PDB file of all heavy atoms in Angstrom:
ATOM      1  N   ARG A   1     113.408  80.223 122.358  1.00  0.00           N
ATOM      2  CA  ARG A   1     113.944  78.970 122.894  1.00  0.00           C
ATOM      3  C   ARG A   1     113.984  77.862 121.849  1.00  0.00           C
ATOM      4  O   ARG A   1     114.421  76.752 122.132  1.00  0.00           O
ATOM      5  CB  ARG A   1     113.131  78.512 124.108  1.00  0.00           C
ATOM      6  CG  ARG A   1     113.261  79.448 125.297  1.00  0.00           C
ATOM      7  CD  ARG A   1     112.791  78.825 126.583  1.00  0.00           C
ATOM      8  NE  ARG A   1     112.982  79.728 127.700  1.00  0.00           N
ATOM      9  CZ  ARG A   1     114.117  79.867 128.373  1.00  0.00           C
ATOM     10  NH1 ARG A   1     115.168  79.134 128.018  1.00  0.00           N
ATOM     11  NH2 ARG A   1     114.222  80.718 129.367  1.00  0.00           N
ATOM     12  N   ALA A   2     113.517  78.150 120.627  1.00  0.00           N
ATOM     13  CA  ALA A   2     113.504  77.142 119.570  1.00  0.00           C
ATOM     14  C   ALA A   2     114.798  77.196 118.770  1.00  0.00           C
ATOM     15  O   ALA A   2     115.347  78.272 118.539  1.00  0.00           O
ATOM     16  CB  ALA A   2     112.310  77.353 118.647  1.00  0.00           C
ATOM     17  N   PRO A   3     115.298  76.046 118.303  1.00  0.00           N
ATOM     18  CA  PRO A   3     116.532  76.039 117.504  1.00  0.00           C
ATOM     19  C   PRO A   3     116.323  76.608 116.112  1.00  0.00           C
ATOM     20  O   PRO A   3     115.192  76.888 115.687  1.00  0.00           O
ATOM     21  CB  PRO A   3     116.908  74.548 117.447  1.00  0.00           C
ATOM     22  CG  PRO A   3     115.616  73.823 117.666  1.00  0.00           C
ATOM     23  CD  PRO A   3     114.801  74.690 118.577  1.00  0.00           C
ATOM     24  N   ALA A   4     117.410  76.738 115.368  1.00  0.00           N
ATOM     25  CA  ALA A   4     117.398  77.442 114.076  1.00  0.00           C
ATOM     26  C   ALA A   4     116.477  76.766 113.059  1.00  0.00           C
ATOM     27  O   ALA A   4     115.807  77.444 112.276  1.00  0.00           O
ATOM     28  CB  ALA A   4     118.815  77.539 113.526  1.00  0.00           C
ATOM     29  N   LYS A   5     116.435  75.431 113.037  1.00  0.00           N
ATOM     30  CA  LYS A   5     115.604  74.745 112.051  1.00  0.00           C
ATOM     31  C   LYS A   5     114.125  75.056 112.254  1.00  0.00           C
ATOM     32  O   LYS A   5     113.374  75.227 111.295  1.00  0.00           O
ATOM     33  CB  LYS A   5     115.837  73.233 112.122  1.00  0.00           C
ATOM     34  CG  LYS A   5     117.157  72.779 111.517  1.00  0.00           C
ATOM     35  CD  LYS A   5     117.247  71.261 111.500  1.00  0.00           C
ATOM     36  CE  LYS A   5     118.543  70.799 110.832  1.00  0.00           C
ATOM     37  NZ  LYS A   5     118.633  69.316 110.796  1.00  0.00           N
ATOM     38  N   VAL A   6     113.708  75.115 113.501  1.00  0.00           N
ATOM     39  CA  VAL A   6     112.306  75.434 113.786  1.00  0.00           C
ATOM     40  C   VAL A   6     112.012  76.882 113.423  1.00  0.00           C
ATOM     41  O   VAL A   6     110.967  77.197 112.852  1.00  0.00           O
ATOM     42  CB  VAL A   6     111.995  75.166 115.273  1.00  0.00           C
ATOM     43  CG1 VAL A   6     110.557  75.565 115.606  1.00  0.00           C
ATOM     44  CG2 VAL A   6     112.217  73.700 115.601  1.00  0.00           C
ATOM     45  N   GLN A   7     112.931  77.788 113.738  1.00  0.00           N
ATOM     46  CA  GLN A   7     112.742  79.185 113.383  1.00  0.00           C
ATOM     47  C   GLN A   7     112.668  79.359 111.872  1.00  0.00           C
ATOM     48  O   GLN A   7     111.903  80.188 111.369  1.00  0.00           O
ATOM     49  CB  GLN A   7     113.868  80.032 113.971  1.00  0.00           C
ATOM     50  CG  GLN A   7     113.846  80.099 115.496  1.00  0.00           C
ATOM     51  CD  GLN A   7     114.968  80.949 116.055  1.00  0.00           C
ATOM     52  OE1 GLN A   7     115.774  81.489 115.318  1.00  0.00           O
ATOM     53  NE2 GLN A   7     115.029  81.059 117.368  1.00  0.00           N
ATOM     54  N   SER A   8     113.435  78.573 111.127  1.00  0.00           N
ATOM     55  CA  SER A   8     113.384  78.643 109.665  1.00  0.00           C
ATOM     56  C   SER A   8     112.022  78.194 109.146  1.00  0.00           C
ATOM     57  O   SER A   8     111.468  78.806 108.223  1.00  0.00           O
ATOM     58  CB  SER A   8     114.494  77.778 109.069  1.00  0.00           C
ATOM     59  OG  SER A   8     114.428  77.778 107.660  1.00  0.00           O
ATOM     60  N   ALA A   9     111.473  77.128 109.720  1.00  0.00           N
ATOM     61  CA  ALA A   9     110.152  76.659 109.309  1.00  0.00           C
ATOM     62  C   ALA A   9     109.084  77.695 109.627  1.00  0.00           C
ATOM     63  O   ALA A   9     108.159  77.930 108.835  1.00  0.00           O
ATOM     64  CB  ALA A   9     109.838  75.333 109.998  1.00  0.00           C
ATOM     65  N   LEU A  10     109.215  78.337 110.780  1.00  0.00           N
ATOM     66  CA  LEU A  10     108.254  79.376 111.142  1.00  0.00           C
ATOM     67  C   LEU A  10     108.391  80.580 110.228  1.00  0.00           C
ATOM     68  O   LEU A  10     107.392  81.223 109.872  1.00  0.00           O
ATOM     69  CB  LEU A  10     108.458  79.789 112.598  1.00  0.00           C
ATOM     70  CG  LEU A  10     107.495  80.837 113.154  1.00  0.00           C
ATOM     71  CD1 LEU A  10     106.060  80.324 113.127  1.00  0.00           C
ATOM     72  CD2 LEU A  10     107.893  81.236 114.574  1.00  0.00           C
ATOM     73  N   LEU A  11     109.616  80.893 109.829  1.00  0.00           N
ATOM     74  CA  LEU A  11     109.852  82.031 108.938  1.00  0.00           C
ATOM     75  C   LEU A  11     109.132  81.838 107.607  1.00  0.00           C
ATOM     76  O   LEU A  11     108.533  82.772 107.074  1.00  0.00           O
ATOM     77  CB  LEU A  11     111.353  82.209 108.712  1.00  0.00           C
ATOM     78  CG  LEU A  11     111.778  83.354 107.796  1.00  0.00           C
ATOM     79  CD1 LEU A  11     111.354  84.684 108.388  1.00  0.00           C
ATOM     80  CD2 LEU A  11     113.290  83.335 107.582  1.00  0.00           C
ATOM     81  N   GLU A  12     109.166  80.622 107.060  1.00  0.00           N
ATOM     82  CA  GLU A  12     108.459  80.357 105.810  1.00  0.00           C
ATOM     83  C   GLU A  12     106.962  80.572 105.985  1.00  0.00           C
ATOM     84  O   GLU A  12     106.297  81.169 105.131  1.00  0.00           O
ATOM     85  CB  GLU A  12     108.720  78.930 105.332  1.00  0.00           C
ATOM     86  CG  GLU A  12     107.982  78.588 104.039  1.00  0.00           C
ATOM     87  CD  GLU A  12     107.998  77.108 103.701  1.00  0.00           C
ATOM     88  OE1 GLU A  12     108.495  76.306 104.515  1.00  0.00           O
ATOM     89  OE2 GLU A  12     107.493  76.750 102.611  1.00  0.00           O
ATOM     90  N   ALA A  13     106.438  80.090 107.102  1.00  0.00           N
ATOM     91  CA  ALA A  13     105.004  80.238 107.349  1.00  0.00           C
ATOM     92  C   ALA A  13     104.624  81.705 107.488  1.00  0.00           C
ATOM     93  O   ALA A  13     103.592  82.153 106.966  1.00  0.00           O
ATOM     94  CB  ALA A  13     104.606  79.457 108.603  1.00  0.00           C
ATOM     95  N   MET A  14     105.445  82.478 108.186  1.00  0.00           N
ATOM     96  CA  MET A  14     105.136  83.888 108.408  1.00  0.00           C
ATOM     97  C   MET A  14     105.206  84.684 107.117  1.00  0.00           C
ATOM     98  O   MET A  14     104.374  85.571 106.877  1.00  0.00           O
ATOM     99  CB  MET A  14     106.099  84.476 109.446  1.00  0.00           C
ATOM    100  CG  MET A  14     105.923  83.918 110.841  1.00  0.00           C
ATOM    101  SD  MET A  14     107.233  84.443 111.974  1.00  0.00           S
ATOM    102  CE  MET A  14     107.059  86.224 111.937  1.00  0.00           C
ATOM    103  N   GLN A  15     106.191  84.398 106.290  1.00  0.00           N
ATOM    104  CA  GLN A  15     106.392  85.178 105.083  1.00  0.00           C
ATOM    105  C   GLN A  15     105.488  84.717 103.938  1.00  0.00           C
ATOM    106  O   GLN A  15     104.818  85.529 103.288  1.00  0.00           O
ATOM    107  CB  GLN A  15     107.859  85.106 104.643  1.00  0.00           C
ATOM    108  CG  GLN A  15     108.166  85.845 103.356  1.00  0.00           C
ATOM    109  CD  GLN A  15     107.962  87.340 103.474  1.00  0.00           C
ATOM    110  OE1 GLN A  15     107.915  87.877 104.575  1.00  0.00           O
ATOM    111  NE2 GLN A  15     107.837  88.020 102.340  1.00  0.00           N
ATOM    112  N   GLU A  16     105.470  83.412 103.686  1.00  0.00           N
ATOM    113  CA  GLU A  16     104.742  82.878 102.536  1.00  0.00           C
ATOM    114  C   GLU A  16     103.302  82.514 102.854  1.00  0.00           C
ATOM    115  O   GLU A  16     102.500  82.303 101.935  1.00  0.00           O
ATOM    116  CB  GLU A  16     105.473  81.642 101.997  1.00  0.00           C
ATOM    117  CG  GLU A  16     106.939  81.862 101.665  1.00  0.00           C
ATOM    118  CD  GLU A  16     107.137  82.854 100.539  1.00  0.00           C
ATOM    119  OE1 GLU A  16     106.205  83.011  99.716  1.00  0.00           O
ATOM    120  OE2 GLU A  16     108.218  83.483 100.467  1.00  0.00           O
ATOM    121  N   ARG A  17     102.983  82.405 104.135  1.00  0.00           N
ATOM    122  CA  ARG A  17     101.656  81.969 104.592  1.00  0.00           C
ATOM    123  C   ARG A  17     101.298  80.605 103.997  1.00  0.00           C
ATOM    124  O   ARG A  17     100.162  80.352 103.593  1.00  0.00           O
ATOM    125  CB  ARG A  17     100.597  83.026 104.277  1.00  0.00           C
ATOM    126  CG  ARG A  17     100.920  84.350 104.969  1.00  0.00           C
ATOM    127  CD  ARG A  17      99.875  85.401 104.780  1.00  0.00           C
ATOM    128  NE  ARG A  17     100.322  86.645 105.389  1.00  0.00           N
ATOM    129  CZ  ARG A  17     100.108  87.009 106.646  1.00  0.00           C
ATOM    130  NH1 ARG A  17      99.450  86.200 107.439  1.00  0.00           N
ATOM    131  NH2 ARG A  17     100.553  88.158 107.119  1.00  0.00           N
ATOM    132  N   ARG A  18     102.296  79.773 103.942  1.00  0.00           N
ATOM    133  CA  ARG A  18     102.129  78.398 103.506  1.00  0.00           C
ATOM    134  C   ARG A  18     103.311  77.599 104.039  1.00  0.00           C
ATOM    135  O   ARG A  18     104.349  78.161 104.391  1.00  0.00           O
ATOM    136  CB  ARG A  18     102.076  78.288 101.986  1.00  0.00           C
ATOM    137  CG  ARG A  18     103.315  78.818 101.282  1.00  0.00           C
ATOM    138  CD  ARG A  18     103.119  78.891  99.791  1.00  0.00           C
ATOM    139  NE  ARG A  18     104.316  79.380  99.127  1.00  0.00           N
ATOM    140  CZ  ARG A  18     104.372  79.739  97.849  1.00  0.00           C
ATOM    141  NH1 ARG A  18     103.288  79.646  97.103  1.00  0.00           N
ATOM    142  NH2 ARG A  18     105.499  80.174  97.317  1.00  0.00           N
ATOM    143  N   VAL A  19     103.136  76.282 104.115  1.00  0.00           N
ATOM    144  CA  VAL A  19     104.192  75.421 104.621  1.00  0.00           C
ATOM    145  C   VAL A  19     104.327  74.215 103.699  1.00  0.00           C
ATOM    146  O   VAL A  19     103.395  73.870 102.961  1.00  0.00           O
ATOM    147  CB  VAL A  19     103.927  74.952 106.069  1.00  0.00           C
ATOM    148  CG1 VAL A  19     103.888  76.122 107.024  1.00  0.00           C
ATOM    149  CG2 VAL A  19     102.638  74.155 106.139  1.00  0.00           C
ATOM    150  N   THR A  20     105.479  73.585 103.767  1.00  0.00           N
ATOM    151  CA  THR A  20     105.760  72.421 102.939  1.00  0.00           C
ATOM    152  C   THR A  20     105.874  71.189 103.828  1.00  0.00           C
ATOM    153  O   THR A  20     106.647  71.185 104.801  1.00  0.00           O
ATOM    154  CB  THR A  20     107.065  72.609 102.148  1.00  0.00           C
ATOM    155  OG1 THR A  20     106.945  73.783 101.332  1.00  0.00           O
ATOM    156  CG2 THR A  20     107.337  71.406 101.266  1.00  0.00           C
ATOM    157  N   ILE A  21     105.091  70.163 103.507  1.00  0.00           N
ATOM    158  CA  ILE A  21     105.161  68.874 104.184  1.00  0.00           C
ATOM    159  C   ILE A  21     105.471  67.835 103.114  1.00  0.00           C
ATOM    160  O   ILE A  21     104.657  67.596 102.221  1.00  0.00           O
ATOM    161  CB  ILE A  21     103.842  68.528 104.904  1.00  0.00           C
ATOM    162  CG1 ILE A  21     103.462  69.633 105.901  1.00  0.00           C
ATOM    163  CG2 ILE A  21     103.947  67.189 105.609  1.00  0.00           C
ATOM    164  CD1 ILE A  21     102.122  69.400 106.583  1.00  0.00           C
ATOM    165  N   GLY A  22     106.650  67.231 103.195  1.00  0.00           N
ATOM    166  CA  GLY A  22     107.071  66.318 102.144  1.00  0.00           C
ATOM    167  C   GLY A  22     107.305  67.075 100.854  1.00  0.00           C
ATOM    168  O   GLY A  22     108.081  68.036 100.804  1.00  0.00           O
ATOM    169  N   ASP A  23     106.603  66.663  99.811  1.00  0.00           N
ATOM    170  CA  ASP A  23     106.727  67.329  98.508  1.00  0.00           C
ATOM    171  C   ASP A  23     105.564  68.261  98.221  1.00  0.00           C
ATOM    172  O   ASP A  23     105.503  68.864  97.147  1.00  0.00           O
ATOM    173  CB  ASP A  23     106.816  66.280  97.386  1.00  0.00           C
ATOM    174  CG  ASP A  23     108.069  65.435  97.484  1.00  0.00           C
ATOM    175  OD1 ASP A  23     109.085  65.971  97.970  1.00  0.00           O
ATOM    176  OD2 ASP A  23     108.020  64.251  97.095  1.00  0.00           O
ATOM    177  N   GLU A  24     104.648  68.375  99.165  1.00  0.00           N
ATOM    178  CA  GLU A  24     103.447  69.179  98.947  1.00  0.00           C
ATOM    179  C   GLU A  24     103.506  70.473  99.755  1.00  0.00           C
ATOM    180  O   GLU A  24     104.053  70.510 100.859  1.00  0.00           O
ATOM    181  CB  GLU A  24     102.186  68.390  99.326  1.00  0.00           C
ATOM    182  CG  GLU A  24     101.950  67.148  98.490  1.00  0.00           C
ATOM    183  CD  GLU A  24     101.572  67.491  97.067  1.00  0.00           C
ATOM    184  OE1 GLU A  24     100.978  68.567  96.860  1.00  0.00           O
ATOM    185  OE2 GLU A  24     101.886  66.693  96.159  1.00  0.00           O
ATOM    186  N   THR A  25     102.944  71.518  99.165  1.00  0.00           N
ATOM    187  CA  THR A  25     102.844  72.811  99.842  1.00  0.00           C
ATOM    188  C   THR A  25     101.380  73.092 100.162  1.00  0.00           C
ATOM    189  O   THR A  25     100.501  72.931  99.315  1.00  0.00           O
ATOM    190  CB  THR A  25     103.411  73.932  98.959  1.00  0.00           C
ATOM    191  OG1 THR A  25     104.794  73.659  98.693  1.00  0.00           O
ATOM    192  CG2 THR A  25     103.304  75.278  99.656  1.00  0.00           C
ATOM    193  N   TYR A  26     101.120  73.518 101.390  1.00  0.00           N
ATOM    194  CA  TYR A  26      99.758  73.730 101.856  1.00  0.00           C
ATOM    195  C   TYR A  26      99.587  75.179 102.298  1.00  0.00           C
ATOM    196  O   TYR A  26     100.444  75.732 103.014  1.00  0.00           O
ATOM    197  CB  TYR A  26      99.436  72.798 103.028  1.00  0.00           C
ATOM    198  CG  TYR A  26      99.556  71.328 102.696  1.00  0.00           C
ATOM    199  CD1 TYR A  26     100.780  70.667 102.843  1.00  0.00           C
ATOM    200  CD2 TYR A  26      98.462  70.602 102.229  1.00  0.00           C
ATOM    201  CE1 TYR A  26     100.906  69.322 102.529  1.00  0.00           C
ATOM    202  CE2 TYR A  26      98.579  69.255 101.925  1.00  0.00           C
ATOM    203  CZ  TYR A  26      99.800  68.622 102.073  1.00  0.00           C
ATOM    204  OH  TYR A  26      99.920  67.285 101.761  1.00  0.00           O
ATOM    205  N   ALA A  27      98.497  75.796 101.863  1.00  0.00           N
ATOM    206  CA  ALA A  27      98.196  77.170 102.265  1.00  0.00           C
ATOM    207  C   ALA A  27      97.676  77.186 103.701  1.00  0.00           C
ATOM    208  O   ALA A  27      96.971  76.265 104.136  1.00  0.00           O
ATOM    209  CB  ALA A  27      97.167  77.781 101.323  1.00  0.00           C
ATOM    210  N   LEU A  28      98.031  78.225 104.420  1.00  0.00           N
ATOM    211  CA  LEU A  28      97.559  78.398 105.787  1.00  0.00           C
ATOM    212  C   LEU A  28      96.211  79.114 105.789  1.00  0.00           C
ATOM    213  O   LEU A  28      95.844  79.762 104.805  1.00  0.00           O
ATOM    214  CB  LEU A  28      98.596  79.187 106.591  1.00  0.00           C
ATOM    215  CG  LEU A  28      99.920  78.447 106.806  1.00  0.00           C
ATOM    216  CD1 LEU A  28     100.972  79.379 107.376  1.00  0.00           C
ATOM    217  CD2 LEU A  28      99.726  77.250 107.725  1.00  0.00           C
ATOM    218  N   PRO A  29      95.464  79.010 106.876  1.00  0.00           N
ATOM    219  CA  PRO A  29      94.137  79.647 106.905  1.00  0.00           C
ATOM    220  C   PRO A  29      94.232  81.160 106.735  1.00  0.00           C
ATOM    221  O   PRO A  29      95.276  81.776 106.986  1.00  0.00           O
ATOM    222  CB  PRO A  29      93.601  79.280 108.297  1.00  0.00           C
ATOM    223  CG  PRO A  29      94.420  78.127 108.750  1.00  0.00           C
ATOM    224  CD  PRO A  29      95.763  78.280 108.115  1.00  0.00           C
ATOM    225  N   ASP A  30      93.150  81.740 106.317  1.00  0.00           N
ATOM    226  CA  ASP A  30      93.046  83.193 106.195  1.00  0.00           C
ATOM    227  C   ASP A  30      91.895  83.668 107.084  1.00  0.00           C
ATOM    228  O   ASP A  30      90.764  83.230 106.901  1.00  0.00           O
ATOM    229  CB  ASP A  30      92.774  83.591 104.745  1.00  0.00           C
ATOM    230  CG  ASP A  30      92.774  85.108 104.547  1.00  0.00           C
ATOM    231  OD1 ASP A  30      93.469  85.791 105.326  1.00  0.00           O
ATOM    232  OD2 ASP A  30      92.081  85.584 103.638  1.00  0.00           O
ATOM    233  N   PRO A  31      92.185  84.501 108.065  1.00  0.00           N
ATOM    234  CA  PRO A  31      93.468  85.151 108.390  1.00  0.00           C
ATOM    235  C   PRO A  31      94.417  84.207 109.113  1.00  0.00           C
ATOM    236  O   PRO A  31      93.992  83.249 109.748  1.00  0.00           O
ATOM    237  CB  PRO A  31      93.032  86.297 109.294  1.00  0.00           C
ATOM    238  CG  PRO A  31      91.792  85.792 109.976  1.00  0.00           C
ATOM    239  CD  PRO A  31      91.081  84.968 108.946  1.00  0.00           C
ATOM    240  N   PHE A  32      95.711  84.530 108.997  1.00  0.00           N
ATOM    241  CA  PHE A  32      96.756  83.787 109.705  1.00  0.00           C
ATOM    242  C   PHE A  32      97.662  84.790 110.393  1.00  0.00           C
ATOM    243  O   PHE A  32      98.157  85.728 109.774  1.00  0.00           O
ATOM    244  CB  PHE A  32      97.570  82.934 108.734  1.00  0.00           C
ATOM    245  CG  PHE A  32      98.805  82.329 109.359  1.00  0.00           C
ATOM    246  CD1 PHE A  32      98.697  81.288 110.257  1.00  0.00           C
ATOM    247  CD2 PHE A  32     100.074  82.818 109.042  1.00  0.00           C
ATOM    248  CE1 PHE A  32      99.834  80.728 110.836  1.00  0.00           C
ATOM    249  CE2 PHE A  32     101.205  82.263 109.610  1.00  0.00           C
ATOM    250  CZ  PHE A  32     101.086  81.213 110.514  1.00  0.00           C
ATOM    251  N   LEU A  33      97.859  84.592 111.691  1.00  0.00           N
ATOM    252  CA  LEU A  33      98.616  85.565 112.469  1.00  0.00           C
ATOM    253  C   LEU A  33      99.463  84.835 113.504  1.00  0.00           C
ATOM    254  O   LEU A  33      98.953  83.984 114.242  1.00  0.00           O
ATOM    255  CB  LEU A  33      97.653  86.537 113.172  1.00  0.00           C
ATOM    256  CG  LEU A  33      98.221  87.855 113.680  1.00  0.00           C
ATOM    257  CD1 LEU A  33      98.707  88.703 112.525  1.00  0.00           C
ATOM    258  CD2 LEU A  33      97.150  88.612 114.466  1.00  0.00           C
ATOM    259  N   VAL A  34     100.760  85.154 113.532  1.00  0.00           N
ATOM    260  CA  VAL A  34     101.662  84.631 114.555  1.00  0.00           C
ATOM    261  C   VAL A  34     101.825  85.690 115.636  1.00  0.00           C
ATOM    262  O   VAL A  34     102.234  86.820 115.362  1.00  0.00           O
ATOM    263  CB  VAL A  34     103.034  84.256 113.967  1.00  0.00           C
ATOM    264  CG1 VAL A  34     104.007  83.870 115.080  1.00  0.00           C
ATOM    265  CG2 VAL A  34     102.892  83.115 112.972  1.00  0.00           C
ATOM    266  N   LEU A  35     101.497  85.315 116.858  1.00  0.00           N
ATOM    267  CA  LEU A  35     101.655  86.180 118.014  1.00  0.00           C
ATOM    268  C   LEU A  35     102.689  85.507 118.915  1.00  0.00           C
ATOM    269  O   LEU A  35     102.414  84.467 119.518  1.00  0.00           O
ATOM    270  CB  LEU A  35     100.327  86.363 118.749  1.00  0.00           C
ATOM    271  CG  LEU A  35      99.156  86.829 117.868  1.00  0.00           C
ATOM    272  CD1 LEU A  35      97.846  86.787 118.633  1.00  0.00           C
ATOM    273  CD2 LEU A  35      99.417  88.226 117.323  1.00  0.00           C
ATOM    274  N   ALA A  36     103.869  86.076 118.964  1.00  0.00           N
ATOM    275  CA  ALA A  36     104.988  85.433 119.650  1.00  0.00           C
ATOM    276  C   ALA A  36     105.355  86.190 120.918  1.00  0.00           C
ATOM    277  O   ALA A  36     105.193  87.407 121.004  1.00  0.00           O
ATOM    278  CB  ALA A  36     106.198  85.351 118.718  1.00  0.00           C
ATOM    279  N   THR A  37     105.857  85.456 121.901  1.00  0.00           N
ATOM    280  CA  THR A  37     106.349  86.071 123.128  1.00  0.00           C
ATOM    281  C   THR A  37     107.795  85.663 123.333  1.00  0.00           C
ATOM    282  O   THR A  37     108.225  84.590 122.904  1.00  0.00           O
ATOM    283  CB  THR A  37     105.529  85.631 124.362  1.00  0.00           C
ATOM    284  OG1 THR A  37     105.783  84.240 124.636  1.00  0.00           O
ATOM    285  CG2 THR A  37     104.044  85.831 124.122  1.00  0.00           C
ATOM    286  N   GLN A  38     108.543  86.543 123.969  1.00  0.00           N
ATOM    287  CA  GLN A  38     109.897  86.186 124.371  1.00  0.00           C
ATOM    288  C   GLN A  38     110.263  86.932 125.641  1.00  0.00           C
ATOM    289  O   GLN A  38     109.724  88.008 125.931  1.00  0.00           O
ATOM    290  CB  GLN A  38     110.914  86.452 123.268  1.00  0.00           C
ATOM    291  CG  GLN A  38     111.197  87.898 122.953  1.00  0.00           C
ATOM    292  CD  GLN A  38     112.318  88.048 121.922  1.00  0.00           C
ATOM    293  OE1 GLN A  38     112.832  87.070 121.389  1.00  0.00           O
ATOM    294  NE2 GLN A  38     112.706  89.276 121.654  1.00  0.00           N
ATOM    295  N   ASN A  39     111.164  86.329 126.390  1.00  0.00           N
ATOM    296  CA  ASN A  39     111.593  86.845 127.680  1.00  0.00           C
ATOM    297  C   ASN A  39     112.930  87.558 127.501  1.00  0.00           C
ATOM    298  O   ASN A  39     113.883  86.957 127.006  1.00  0.00           O
ATOM    299  CB  ASN A  39     111.727  85.668 128.658  1.00  0.00           C
ATOM    300  CG  ASN A  39     112.027  86.112 130.072  1.00  0.00           C
ATOM    301  OD1 ASN A  39     112.375  87.262 130.319  1.00  0.00           O
ATOM    302  ND2 ASN A  39     111.911  85.193 131.012  1.00  0.00           N
ATOM    303  N   PRO A  40     113.036  88.846 127.870  1.00  0.00           N
ATOM    304  CA  PRO A  40     114.301  89.573 127.654  1.00  0.00           C
ATOM    305  C   PRO A  40     115.395  89.198 128.638  1.00  0.00           C
ATOM    306  O   PRO A  40     116.535  89.637 128.485  1.00  0.00           O
ATOM    307  CB  PRO A  40     113.881  91.034 127.827  1.00  0.00           C
ATOM    308  CG  PRO A  40     112.734  90.976 128.787  1.00  0.00           C
ATOM    309  CD  PRO A  40     112.000  89.698 128.466  1.00  0.00           C
ATOM    310  N   ILE A  41     115.067  88.415 129.674  1.00  0.00           N
ATOM    311  CA  ILE A  41     116.073  87.995 130.645  1.00  0.00           C
ATOM    312  C   ILE A  41     116.307  86.493 130.504  1.00  0.00           C
ATOM    313  O   ILE A  41     115.618  85.805 129.762  1.00  0.00           O
ATOM    314  CB  ILE A  41     115.642  88.347 132.089  1.00  0.00           C
ATOM    315  CG1 ILE A  41     114.311  87.660 132.434  1.00  0.00           C
ATOM    316  CG2 ILE A  41     115.500  89.848 132.246  1.00  0.00           C
ATOM    317  CD1 ILE A  41     113.859  87.899 133.868  1.00  0.00           C
ATOM    318  N   GLU A  42     117.282  85.988 131.223  1.00  0.00           N
ATOM    319  CA  GLU A  42     117.628  84.560 131.188  1.00  0.00           C
ATOM    320  C   GLU A  42     117.886  84.092 129.751  1.00  0.00           C
ATOM    321  O   GLU A  42     117.164  83.284 129.190  1.00  0.00           O
ATOM    322  CB  GLU A  42     116.512  83.718 131.814  1.00  0.00           C
ATOM    323  CG  GLU A  42     116.274  84.006 133.283  1.00  0.00           C
ATOM    324  CD  GLU A  42     115.155  83.162 133.864  1.00  0.00           C
ATOM    325  OE1 GLU A  42     114.458  82.478 133.097  1.00  0.00           O
ATOM    326  OE2 GLU A  42     114.994  83.192 135.093  1.00  0.00           O
TER     327      GLU A  42
END
């Protein structure tokens, strides 16, 4: 249900395990795990 820009930000976090805020890049905690749900209907 999230738009493309949000999915792109999540993709960076999932792949690189870090995110960028402004000009700085911050490492995510270790371990880091995304557990996502989606509904196949509607």
